[in-house]
Amino acid sequence: MKILAIGAHPDDLEYGCAGTLIKHAQRGDEVYMMVITDGSAGGESGVRSTEQREAAKIIGAREVFFGGYADTEFECHRESIMKIEQVVRQVEPDTVYTHFGEDTH
């Protein structure tokens, strides 16, 4: 089974569904993560991306994809949708985890 977790910022996925992702990895599922923004509003973006990669290793994710958008400056437009679609096509997930629709992220 292939799992894709998509979060707005570094650490959102860990707060939101790390336990679930760990269980998937322990079962042998392929876990992938995508982080849309660089998290620069919450700290230095280089540090946050390093921390994200380390967290992904602990979780058991095979790969982390980064959207590369500046924190708080993400806009939903054709380019951003295409970046997400590209990852979805590459991973071909059976299950996708992301934020609750009414979340302010």
PDB file of N, CA and C in Angstrom:
ATOM      1  N   MET A   1       0.847  -1.173   0.000  1.00  0.00           N
ATOM      2  CA  MET A   1       0.000   0.000   0.000  1.00  0.00           C
ATOM      3  C   MET A   1       0.894   1.239   0.000  1.00  0.00           C
ATOM      4  N   LYS A   2       0.531   2.239  -0.781  1.00  0.00           N
ATOM      5  CA  LYS A   2       1.287   3.490  -0.848  1.00  0.00           C
ATOM      6  C   LYS A   2       0.508   4.598  -0.141  1.00  0.00           C
ATOM      7  N   ILE A   3       1.215   5.306   0.736  1.00  0.00           N
ATOM      8  CA  ILE A   3       0.622   6.360   1.548  1.00  0.00           C
ATOM      9  C   ILE A   3       1.314   7.672   1.220  1.00  0.00           C
ATOM     10  N   LEU A   4       0.552   8.735   0.998  1.00  0.00           N
ATOM     11  CA  LEU A   4       1.099  10.073   0.800  1.00  0.00           C
ATOM     12  C   LEU A   4       0.470  10.998   1.829  1.00  0.00           C
ATOM     13  N   ALA A   5       1.315  11.672   2.598  1.00  0.00           N
ATOM     14  CA  ALA A   5       0.851  12.664   3.569  1.00  0.00           C
ATOM     15  C   ALA A   5       1.301  14.033   3.080  1.00  0.00           C
ATOM     16  N   ILE A   6       0.364  14.972   2.976  1.00  0.00           N
ATOM     17  CA  ILE A   6       0.656  16.315   2.478  1.00  0.00           C
ATOM     18  C   ILE A   6       0.356  17.321   3.580  1.00  0.00           C
ATOM     19  N   GLY A   7       1.359  18.136   3.920  1.00  0.00           N
ATOM     20  CA  GLY A   7       1.205  19.145   4.965  1.00  0.00           C
ATOM     21  C   GLY A   7       1.628  20.515   4.480  1.00  0.00           C
ATOM     22  N   ALA A   8       1.091  21.539   5.111  1.00  0.00           N
ATOM     23  CA  ALA A   8       1.402  22.913   4.726  1.00  0.00           C
ATOM     24  C   ALA A   8       2.816  23.321   5.117  1.00  0.00           C
ATOM     25  N   HIS A   9       3.235  22.950   6.326  1.00  0.00           N
ATOM     26  CA  HIS A   9       4.527  23.389   6.863  1.00  0.00           C
ATOM     27  C   HIS A   9       5.312  22.203   7.407  1.00  0.00           C
ATOM     28  N   PRO A  10       6.637  22.362   7.521  1.00  0.00           N
ATOM     29  CA  PRO A  10       7.400  21.345   8.243  1.00  0.00           C
ATOM     30  C   PRO A  10       6.835  21.211   9.654  1.00  0.00           C
ATOM     31  N   ASP A  11       6.660  20.049  10.119  1.00  0.00           N
ATOM     32  CA  ASP A  11       6.145  19.611  11.429  1.00  0.00           C
ATOM     33  C   ASP A  11       4.636  19.423  11.483  1.00  0.00           C
ATOM     34  N   ASP A  12       3.893  19.894  10.491  1.00  0.00           N
ATOM     35  CA  ASP A  12       2.434  19.706  10.507  1.00  0.00           C
ATOM     36  C   ASP A  12       2.066  18.225  10.446  1.00  0.00           C
ATOM     37  N   LEU A  13       2.758  17.486   9.618  1.00  0.00           N
ATOM     38  CA  LEU A  13       2.442  16.061   9.485  1.00  0.00           C
ATOM     39  C   LEU A  13       2.789  15.293  10.747  1.00  0.00           C
ATOM     40  N   GLU A  14       3.871  15.698  11.402  1.00  0.00           N
ATOM     41  CA  GLU A  14       4.260  15.030  12.641  1.00  0.00           C
ATOM     42  C   GLU A  14       3.218  15.273  13.726  1.00  0.00           C
ATOM     43  N   TYR A  15       2.739  16.501  13.827  1.00  0.00           N
ATOM     44  CA  TYR A  15       1.691  16.799  14.810  1.00  0.00           C
ATOM     45  C   TYR A  15       0.369  16.131  14.441  1.00  0.00           C
ATOM     46  N   GLY A  16       0.070  16.090  13.156  1.00  0.00           N
ATOM     47  CA  GLY A  16      -1.233  15.615  12.729  1.00  0.00           C
ATOM     48  C   GLY A  16      -1.395  14.117  12.582  1.00  0.00           C
ATOM     49  N   CYS A  17      -0.352  13.433  12.089  1.00  0.00           N
ATOM     50  CA  CYS A  17      -0.566  12.010  11.809  1.00  0.00           C
ATOM     51  C   CYS A  17       0.696  11.161  11.884  1.00  0.00           C
ATOM     52  N   ALA A  18       1.697  11.584  12.642  1.00  0.00           N
ATOM     53  CA  ALA A  18       2.944  10.807  12.731  1.00  0.00           C
ATOM     54  C   ALA A  18       2.695   9.381  13.203  1.00  0.00           C
ATOM     55  N   GLY A  19       1.867   9.217  14.211  1.00  0.00           N
ATOM     56  CA  GLY A  19       1.589   7.879  14.728  1.00  0.00           C
ATOM     57  C   GLY A  19       0.995   6.970  13.667  1.00  0.00           C
ATOM     58  N   THR A  20       0.077   7.508  12.896  1.00  0.00           N
ATOM     59  CA  THR A  20      -0.543   6.738  11.818  1.00  0.00           C
ATOM     60  C   THR A  20       0.480   6.391  10.742  1.00  0.00           C
ATOM     61  N   LEU A  21       1.326   7.353  10.383  1.00  0.00           N
ATOM     62  CA  LEU A  21       2.351   7.095   9.367  1.00  0.00           C
ATOM     63  C   LEU A  21       3.352   6.048   9.836  1.00  0.00           C
ATOM     64  N   ILE A  22       3.736   6.105  11.107  1.00  0.00           N
ATOM     65  CA  ILE A  22       4.649   5.104  11.668  1.00  0.00           C
ATOM     66  C   ILE A  22       4.025   3.714  11.582  1.00  0.00           C
ATOM     67  N   LYS A  23       2.749   3.606  11.923  1.00  0.00           N
ATOM     68  CA  LYS A  23       2.075   2.303  11.843  1.00  0.00           C
ATOM     69  C   LYS A  23       2.057   1.782  10.412  1.00  0.00           C
ATOM     70  N   HIS A  24       1.808   2.667   9.456  1.00  0.00           N
ATOM     71  CA  HIS A  24       1.847   2.250   8.050  1.00  0.00           C
ATOM     72  C   HIS A  24       3.231   1.720   7.687  1.00  0.00           C
ATOM     73  N   ALA A  25       4.272   2.470   8.059  1.00  0.00           N
ATOM     74  CA  ALA A  25       5.647   2.051   7.737  1.00  0.00           C
ATOM     75  C   ALA A  25       5.985   0.716   8.393  1.00  0.00           C
ATOM     76  N   GLN A  26       5.557   0.537   9.630  1.00  0.00           N
ATOM     77  CA  GLN A  26       5.826  -0.717  10.341  1.00  0.00           C
ATOM     78  C   GLN A  26       5.124  -1.904   9.688  1.00  0.00           C
ATOM     79  N   ARG A  27       3.988  -1.658   9.046  1.00  0.00           N
ATOM     80  CA  ARG A  27       3.264  -2.717   8.338  1.00  0.00           C
ATOM     81  C   ARG A  27       3.880  -3.029   6.983  1.00  0.00           C
ATOM     82  N   GLY A  28       4.852  -2.210   6.583  1.00  0.00           N
ATOM     83  CA  GLY A  28       5.476  -2.420   5.285  1.00  0.00           C
ATOM     84  C   GLY A  28       4.919  -1.551   4.176  1.00  0.00           C
ATOM     85  N   ASP A  29       4.003  -0.656   4.515  1.00  0.00           N
ATOM     86  CA  ASP A  29       3.469   0.263   3.511  1.00  0.00           C
ATOM     87  C   ASP A  29       4.547   1.266   3.109  1.00  0.00           C
ATOM     88  N   GLU A  30       4.462   1.747   1.890  1.00  0.00           N
ATOM     89  CA  GLU A  30       5.381   2.778   1.405  1.00  0.00           C
ATOM     90  C   GLU A  30       4.823   4.136   1.816  1.00  0.00           C
ATOM     91  N   VAL A  31       5.547   4.845   2.667  1.00  0.00           N
ATOM     92  CA  VAL A  31       5.099   6.145   3.167  1.00  0.00           C
ATOM     93  C   VAL A  31       5.911   7.247   2.495  1.00  0.00           C
ATOM     94  N   TYR A  32       5.212   8.239   1.968  1.00  0.00           N
ATOM     95  CA  TYR A  32       5.817   9.413   1.344  1.00  0.00           C
ATOM     96  C   TYR A  32       5.216  10.652   1.997  1.00  0.00           C
ATOM     97  N   MET A  33       6.000  11.713   2.046  1.00  0.00           N
ATOM     98  CA  MET A  33       5.535  12.957   2.654  1.00  0.00           C
ATOM     99  C   MET A  33       5.785  14.109   1.685  1.00  0.00           C
ATOM    100  N   MET A  34       4.877  15.082   1.688  1.00  0.00           N
ATOM    101  CA  MET A  34       5.060  16.310   0.913  1.00  0.00           C
ATOM    102  C   MET A  34       4.779  17.489   1.819  1.00  0.00           C
ATOM    103  N   VAL A  35       5.709  18.443   1.836  1.00  0.00           N
ATOM    104  CA  VAL A  35       5.562  19.663   2.626  1.00  0.00           C
ATOM    105  C   VAL A  35       5.523  20.826   1.640  1.00  0.00           C
ATOM    106  N   ILE A  36       4.447  21.591   1.677  1.00  0.00           N
ATOM    107  CA  ILE A  36       4.206  22.621   0.666  1.00  0.00           C
ATOM    108  C   ILE A  36       5.082  23.858   0.846  1.00  0.00           C
ATOM    109  N   THR A  37       5.227  24.359   2.077  1.00  0.00           N
ATOM    110  CA  THR A  37       6.001  25.586   2.301  1.00  0.00           C
ATOM    111  C   THR A  37       7.302  25.286   3.035  1.00  0.00           C
ATOM    112  N   ASP A  38       8.177  26.290   3.060  1.00  0.00           N
ATOM    113  CA  ASP A  38       9.497  26.105   3.677  1.00  0.00           C
ATOM    114  C   ASP A  38       9.515  26.303   5.188  1.00  0.00           C
ATOM    115  N   GLY A  39       8.426  26.772   5.767  1.00  0.00           N
ATOM    116  CA  GLY A  39       8.357  26.940   7.216  1.00  0.00           C
ATOM    117  C   GLY A  39       9.152  28.114   7.747  1.00  0.00           C
ATOM    118  N   SER A  40       9.554  29.032   6.880  1.00  0.00           N
ATOM    119  CA  SER A  40      10.435  30.130   7.281  1.00  0.00           C
ATOM    120  C   SER A  40       9.807  31.085   8.288  1.00  0.00           C
ATOM    121  N   ALA A  41       8.493  31.135   8.383  1.00  0.00           N
ATOM    122  CA  ALA A  41       7.858  32.002   9.386  1.00  0.00           C
ATOM    123  C   ALA A  41       8.025  31.432  10.791  1.00  0.00           C
ATOM    124  N   GLY A  42       8.330  30.142  10.888  1.00  0.00           N
ATOM    125  CA  GLY A  42       8.502  29.497  12.185  1.00  0.00           C
ATOM    126  C   GLY A  42       9.946  29.176  12.505  1.00  0.00           C
ATOM    127  N   GLY A  43      10.878  29.716  11.738  1.00  0.00           N
ATOM    128  CA  GLY A  43      12.295  29.446  11.958  1.00  0.00           C
ATOM    129  C   GLY A  43      13.046  29.457  10.646  1.00  0.00           C
ATOM    130  N   GLU A  44      14.334  29.224  10.708  1.00  0.00           N
ATOM    131  CA  GLU A  44      15.177  29.249   9.513  1.00  0.00           C
ATOM    132  C   GLU A  44      14.815  28.073   8.608  1.00  0.00           C
ATOM    133  N   SER A  45      14.522  28.371   7.347  1.00  0.00           N
ATOM    134  CA  SER A  45      13.987  27.341   6.447  1.00  0.00           C
ATOM    135  C   SER A  45      14.951  26.174   6.230  1.00  0.00           C
ATOM    136  N   GLY A  46      16.253  26.433   6.177  1.00  0.00           N
ATOM    137  CA  GLY A  46      17.219  25.345   6.005  1.00  0.00           C
ATOM    138  C   GLY A  46      17.208  24.380   7.170  1.00  0.00           C
ATOM    139  N   VAL A  47      17.100  24.920   8.373  1.00  0.00           N
ATOM    140  CA  VAL A  47      17.025  24.086   9.579  1.00  0.00           C
ATOM    141  C   VAL A  47      15.734  23.287   9.568  1.00  0.00           C
ATOM    142  N   ARG A  48      14.648  23.940   9.210  1.00  0.00           N
ATOM    143  CA  ARG A  48      13.352  23.251   9.218  1.00  0.00           C
ATOM    144  C   ARG A  48      13.309  22.124   8.194  1.00  0.00           C
ATOM    145  N   SER A  49      13.913  22.322   7.031  1.00  0.00           N
ATOM    146  CA  SER A  49      13.905  21.236   6.041  1.00  0.00           C
ATOM    147  C   SER A  49      14.787  20.074   6.498  1.00  0.00           C
ATOM    148  N   THR A  50      15.900  20.381   7.164  1.00  0.00           N
ATOM    149  CA  THR A  50      16.745  19.319   7.728  1.00  0.00           C
ATOM    150  C   THR A  50      15.982  18.551   8.793  1.00  0.00           C
ATOM    151  N   GLU A  51      15.296  19.277   9.671  1.00  0.00           N
ATOM    152  CA  GLU A  51      14.490  18.626  10.712  1.00  0.00           C
ATOM    153  C   GLU A  51      13.390  17.776  10.090  1.00  0.00           C
ATOM    154  N   GLN A  52      12.806  18.257   8.989  1.00  0.00           N
ATOM    155  CA  GLN A  52      11.751  17.500   8.311  1.00  0.00           C
ATOM    156  C   GLN A  52      12.296  16.182   7.775  1.00  0.00           C
ATOM    157  N   ARG A  53      13.465  16.228   7.176  1.00  0.00           N
ATOM    158  CA  ARG A  53      14.078  14.999   6.657  1.00  0.00           C
ATOM    159  C   ARG A  53      14.384  14.011   7.785  1.00  0.00           C
ATOM    160  N   GLU A  54      14.876  14.524   8.900  1.00  0.00           N
ATOM    161  CA  GLU A  54      15.169  13.661  10.055  1.00  0.00           C
ATOM    162  C   GLU A  54      13.889  13.039  10.608  1.00  0.00           C
ATOM    163  N   ALA A  55      12.835  13.829  10.702  1.00  0.00           N
ATOM    164  CA  ALA A  55      11.553  13.304  11.182  1.00  0.00           C
ATOM    165  C   ALA A  55      11.032  12.226  10.239  1.00  0.00           C
ATOM    166  N   ALA A  56      11.193  12.444   8.944  1.00  0.00           N
ATOM    167  CA  ALA A  56      10.742  11.451   7.962  1.00  0.00           C
ATOM    168  C   ALA A  56      11.480  10.127   8.135  1.00  0.00           C
ATOM    169  N   LYS A  57      12.773  10.200   8.434  1.00  0.00           N
ATOM    170  CA  LYS A  57      13.540   8.971   8.688  1.00  0.00           C
ATOM    171  C   LYS A  57      12.992   8.231   9.898  1.00  0.00           C
ATOM    172  N   ILE A  58      12.713   8.971  10.962  1.00  0.00           N
ATOM    173  CA  ILE A  58      12.178   8.355  12.181  1.00  0.00           C
ATOM    174  C   ILE A  58      10.825   7.707  11.898  1.00  0.00           C
ATOM    175  N   ILE A  59      10.002   8.378  11.126  1.00  0.00           N
ATOM    176  CA  ILE A  59       8.671   7.864  10.784  1.00  0.00           C
ATOM    177  C   ILE A  59       8.779   6.632   9.889  1.00  0.00           C
ATOM    178  N   GLY A  60       9.799   6.593   9.058  1.00  0.00           N
ATOM    179  CA  GLY A  60       9.960   5.485   8.120  1.00  0.00           C
ATOM    180  C   GLY A  60       9.531   5.836   6.710  1.00  0.00           C
ATOM    181  N   ALA A  61       9.440   7.137   6.422  1.00  0.00           N
ATOM    182  CA  ALA A  61       9.056   7.574   5.077  1.00  0.00           C
ATOM    183  C   ALA A  61      10.184   7.293   4.092  1.00  0.00           C
ATOM    184  N   ARG A  62       9.807   6.936   2.898  1.00  0.00           N
ATOM    185  CA  ARG A  62      10.795   6.651   1.854  1.00  0.00           C
ATOM    186  C   ARG A  62      11.346   7.922   1.228  1.00  0.00           C
ATOM    187  N   GLU A  63      10.508   8.964   1.177  1.00  0.00           N
ATOM    188  CA  GLU A  63      10.939  10.206   0.535  1.00  0.00           C
ATOM    189  C   GLU A  63      10.087  11.360   1.037  1.00  0.00           C
ATOM    190  N   VAL A  64      10.710  12.546   1.068  1.00  0.00           N
ATOM    191  CA  VAL A  64       9.993  13.783   1.386  1.00  0.00           C
ATOM    192  C   VAL A  64      10.091  14.685   0.167  1.00  0.00           C
ATOM    193  N   PHE A  65       8.961  15.178  -0.283  1.00  0.00           N
ATOM    194  CA  PHE A  65       8.912  16.133  -1.384  1.00  0.00           C
ATOM    195  C   PHE A  65       8.662  17.513  -0.788  1.00  0.00           C
ATOM    196  N   PHE A  66       9.343  18.520  -1.312  1.00  0.00           N
ATOM    197  CA  PHE A  66       9.177  19.887  -0.827  1.00  0.00           C
ATOM    198  C   PHE A  66       8.590  20.748  -1.940  1.00  0.00           C
ATOM    199  N   GLY A  67       7.506  21.470  -1.616  1.00  0.00           N
ATOM    200  CA  GLY A  67       6.889  22.368  -2.590  1.00  0.00           C
ATOM    201  C   GLY A  67       7.721  23.605  -2.854  1.00  0.00           C
ATOM    202  N   GLY A  68       8.470  24.045  -1.826  1.00  0.00           N
ATOM    203  CA  GLY A  68       9.371  25.175  -2.003  1.00  0.00           C
ATOM    204  C   GLY A  68       8.742  26.547  -1.890  1.00  0.00           C
ATOM    205  N   TYR A  69       7.499  26.622  -1.487  1.00  0.00           N
ATOM    206  CA  TYR A  69       6.853  27.928  -1.354  1.00  0.00           C
ATOM    207  C   TYR A  69       7.236  28.582  -0.035  1.00  0.00           C
ATOM    208  N   ALA A  70       7.359  29.917  -0.047  1.00  0.00           N
ATOM    209  CA  ALA A  70       7.654  30.654   1.177  1.00  0.00           C
ATOM    210  C   ALA A  70       6.472  30.530   2.131  1.00  0.00           C
ATOM    211  N   ASP A  71       6.782  30.390   3.396  1.00  0.00           N
ATOM    212  CA  ASP A  71       5.752  30.259   4.426  1.00  0.00           C
ATOM    213  C   ASP A  71       4.849  31.492   4.422  1.00  0.00           C
ATOM    214  N   THR A  72       3.582  31.294   4.550  1.00  0.00           N
ATOM    215  CA  THR A  72       2.506  32.306   4.567  1.00  0.00           C
ATOM    216  C   THR A  72       2.288  32.978   3.212  1.00  0.00           C
ATOM    217  N   GLU A  73       3.003  32.556   2.166  1.00  0.00           N
ATOM    218  CA  GLU A  73       2.839  33.171   0.848  1.00  0.00           C
ATOM    219  C   GLU A  73       2.293  32.196  -0.192  1.00  0.00           C
ATOM    220  N   PHE A  74       1.830  31.051   0.257  1.00  0.00           N
ATOM    221  CA  PHE A  74       1.305  30.054  -0.674  1.00  0.00           C
ATOM    222  C   PHE A  74      -0.049  30.500  -1.198  1.00  0.00           C
ATOM    223  N   GLU A  75      -0.207  30.427  -2.502  1.00  0.00           N
ATOM    224  CA  GLU A  75      -1.497  30.697  -3.127  1.00  0.00           C
ATOM    225  C   GLU A  75      -1.867  29.498  -3.983  1.00  0.00           C
ATOM    226  N   CYS A  76      -3.125  29.174  -3.943  1.00  0.00           N
ATOM    227  CA  CYS A  76      -3.607  28.065  -4.756  1.00  0.00           C
ATOM    228  C   CYS A  76      -3.807  28.577  -6.185  1.00  0.00           C
ATOM    229  N   HIS A  77      -2.933  28.178  -7.068  1.00  0.00           N
ATOM    230  CA  HIS A  77      -3.023  28.545  -8.470  1.00  0.00           C
ATOM    231  C   HIS A  77      -2.543  27.364  -9.309  1.00  0.00           C
ATOM    232  N   ARG A  78      -2.590  27.516 -10.586  1.00  0.00           N
ATOM    233  CA  ARG A  78      -2.286  26.396 -11.489  1.00  0.00           C
ATOM    234  C   ARG A  78      -0.925  25.756 -11.189  1.00  0.00           C
ATOM    235  N   GLU A  79       0.106  26.569 -10.993  1.00  0.00           N
ATOM    236  CA  GLU A  79       1.453  26.038 -10.751  1.00  0.00           C
ATOM    237  C   GLU A  79       1.505  25.195  -9.480  1.00  0.00           C
ATOM    238  N   SER A  80       0.903  25.695  -8.407  1.00  0.00           N
ATOM    239  CA  SER A  80       0.946  24.948  -7.140  1.00  0.00           C
ATOM    240  C   SER A  80       0.149  23.652  -7.236  1.00  0.00           C
ATOM    241  N   ILE A  81      -0.971  23.705  -7.904  1.00  0.00           N
ATOM    242  CA  ILE A  81      -1.774  22.493  -8.097  1.00  0.00           C
ATOM    243  C   ILE A  81      -0.985  21.471  -8.918  1.00  0.00           C
ATOM    244  N   MET A  82      -0.285  21.944  -9.932  1.00  0.00           N
ATOM    245  CA  MET A  82       0.494  21.034 -10.777  1.00  0.00           C
ATOM    246  C   MET A  82       1.644  20.387 -10.004  1.00  0.00           C
ATOM    247  N   LYS A  83       2.261  21.120  -9.066  1.00  0.00           N
ATOM    248  CA  LYS A  83       3.326  20.529  -8.241  1.00  0.00           C
ATOM    249  C   LYS A  83       2.787  19.372  -7.406  1.00  0.00           C
ATOM    250  N   ILE A  84       1.621  19.593  -6.814  1.00  0.00           N
ATOM    251  CA  ILE A  84       1.011  18.545  -5.995  1.00  0.00           C
ATOM    252  C   ILE A  84       0.598  17.369  -6.881  1.00  0.00           C
ATOM    253  N   GLU A  85      -0.015  17.673  -8.020  1.00  0.00           N
ATOM    254  CA  GLU A  85      -0.420  16.610  -8.943  1.00  0.00           C
ATOM    255  C   GLU A  85       0.778  15.785  -9.409  1.00  0.00           C
ATOM    256  N   GLN A  86       1.915  16.436  -9.634  1.00  0.00           N
ATOM    257  CA  GLN A  86       3.121  15.728 -10.071  1.00  0.00           C
ATOM    258  C   GLN A  86       3.550  14.696  -9.026  1.00  0.00           C
ATOM    259  N   VAL A  87       3.511  15.083  -7.757  1.00  0.00           N
ATOM    260  CA  VAL A  87       3.880  14.153  -6.685  1.00  0.00           C
ATOM    261  C   VAL A  87       2.864  13.018  -6.601  1.00  0.00           C
ATOM    262  N   VAL A  88       1.593  13.349  -6.714  1.00  0.00           N
ATOM    263  CA  VAL A  88       0.551  12.312  -6.673  1.00  0.00           C
ATOM    264  C   VAL A  88       0.752  11.324  -7.818  1.00  0.00           C
ATOM    265  N   ARG A  89       1.055  11.813  -8.999  1.00  0.00           N
ATOM    266  CA  ARG A  89       1.292  10.909 -10.140  1.00  0.00           C
ATOM    267  C   ARG A  89       2.533  10.045  -9.925  1.00  0.00           C
ATOM    268  N   GLN A  90       3.561  10.637  -9.344  1.00  0.00           N
ATOM    269  CA  GLN A  90       4.801   9.889  -9.109  1.00  0.00           C
ATOM    270  C   GLN A  90       4.606   8.799  -8.058  1.00  0.00           C
ATOM    271  N   VAL A  91       3.938   9.139  -6.965  1.00  0.00           N
ATOM    272  CA  VAL A  91       3.756   8.191  -5.860  1.00  0.00           C
ATOM    273  C   VAL A  91       2.648   7.187  -6.160  1.00  0.00           C
ATOM    274  N   GLU A  92       1.591   7.631  -6.816  1.00  0.00           N
ATOM    275  CA  GLU A  92       0.396   6.820  -7.054  1.00  0.00           C
ATOM    276  C   GLU A  92      -0.139   6.245  -5.742  1.00  0.00           C
ATOM    277  N   PRO A  93      -0.510   7.129  -4.793  1.00  0.00           N
ATOM    278  CA  PRO A  93      -0.917   6.659  -3.464  1.00  0.00           C
ATOM    279  C   PRO A  93      -2.274   5.960  -3.464  1.00  0.00           C
ATOM    280  N   ASP A  94      -2.394   5.015  -2.542  1.00  0.00           N
ATOM    281  CA  ASP A  94      -3.686   4.390  -2.269  1.00  0.00           C
ATOM    282  C   ASP A  94      -4.467   5.224  -1.260  1.00  0.00           C
ATOM    283  N   THR A  95      -3.735   5.904  -0.371  1.00  0.00           N
ATOM    284  CA  THR A  95      -4.338   6.731   0.672  1.00  0.00           C
ATOM    285  C   THR A  95      -3.561   8.035   0.777  1.00  0.00           C
ATOM    286  N   VAL A  96      -4.289   9.148   0.947  1.00  0.00           N
ATOM    287  CA  VAL A  96      -3.672  10.460   1.138  1.00  0.00           C
ATOM    288  C   VAL A  96      -4.176  11.039   2.451  1.00  0.00           C
ATOM    289  N   TYR A  97      -3.238  11.511   3.271  1.00  0.00           N
ATOM    290  CA  TYR A  97      -3.577  12.227   4.501  1.00  0.00           C
ATOM    291  C   TYR A  97      -3.191  13.689   4.313  1.00  0.00           C
ATOM    292  N   THR A  98      -4.051  14.590   4.763  1.00  0.00           N
ATOM    293  CA  THR A  98      -3.743  16.013   4.710  1.00  0.00           C
ATOM    294  C   THR A  98      -4.557  16.734   5.776  1.00  0.00           C
ATOM    295  N   HIS A  99      -4.512  18.055   5.745  1.00  0.00           N
ATOM    296  CA  HIS A  99      -5.213  18.858   6.742  1.00  0.00           C
ATOM    297  C   HIS A  99      -6.731  18.734   6.594  1.00  0.00           C
ATOM    298  N   PHE A 100      -7.424  18.936   7.695  1.00  0.00           N
ATOM    299  CA  PHE A 100      -8.878  19.042   7.707  1.00  0.00           C
ATOM    300  C   PHE A 100      -9.265  20.226   6.822  1.00  0.00           C
ATOM    301  N   GLY A 101     -10.308  20.081   6.048  1.00  0.00           N
ATOM    302  CA  GLY A 101     -10.721  21.108   5.098  1.00  0.00           C
ATOM    303  C   GLY A 101     -10.958  22.483   5.684  1.00  0.00           C
ATOM    304  N   GLU A 102     -11.355  22.558   6.941  1.00  0.00           N
ATOM    305  CA  GLU A 102     -11.610  23.853   7.569  1.00  0.00           C
ATOM    306  C   GLU A 102     -10.434  24.339   8.406  1.00  0.00           C
ATOM    307  N   ASP A 103      -9.318  23.636   8.331  1.00  0.00           N
ATOM    308  CA  ASP A 103      -8.103  24.068   9.024  1.00  0.00           C
ATOM    309  C   ASP A 103      -7.610  25.358   8.380  1.00  0.00           C
ATOM    310  N   THR A 104      -7.015  26.240   9.161  1.00  0.00           N
ATOM    311  CA  THR A 104      -6.535  27.513   8.624  1.00  0.00           C
ATOM    312  C   THR A 104      -5.206  27.384   7.904  1.00  0.00           C
ATOM    313  N   HIS A 105      -4.676  26.185   7.803  1.00  0.00           N
ATOM    314  CA  HIS A 105      -3.436  26.000   7.057  1.00  0.00           C
ATOM    315  C   HIS A 105      -3.721  26.093   5.579  1.00  0.00           C
TER     316      HIS A 105
END
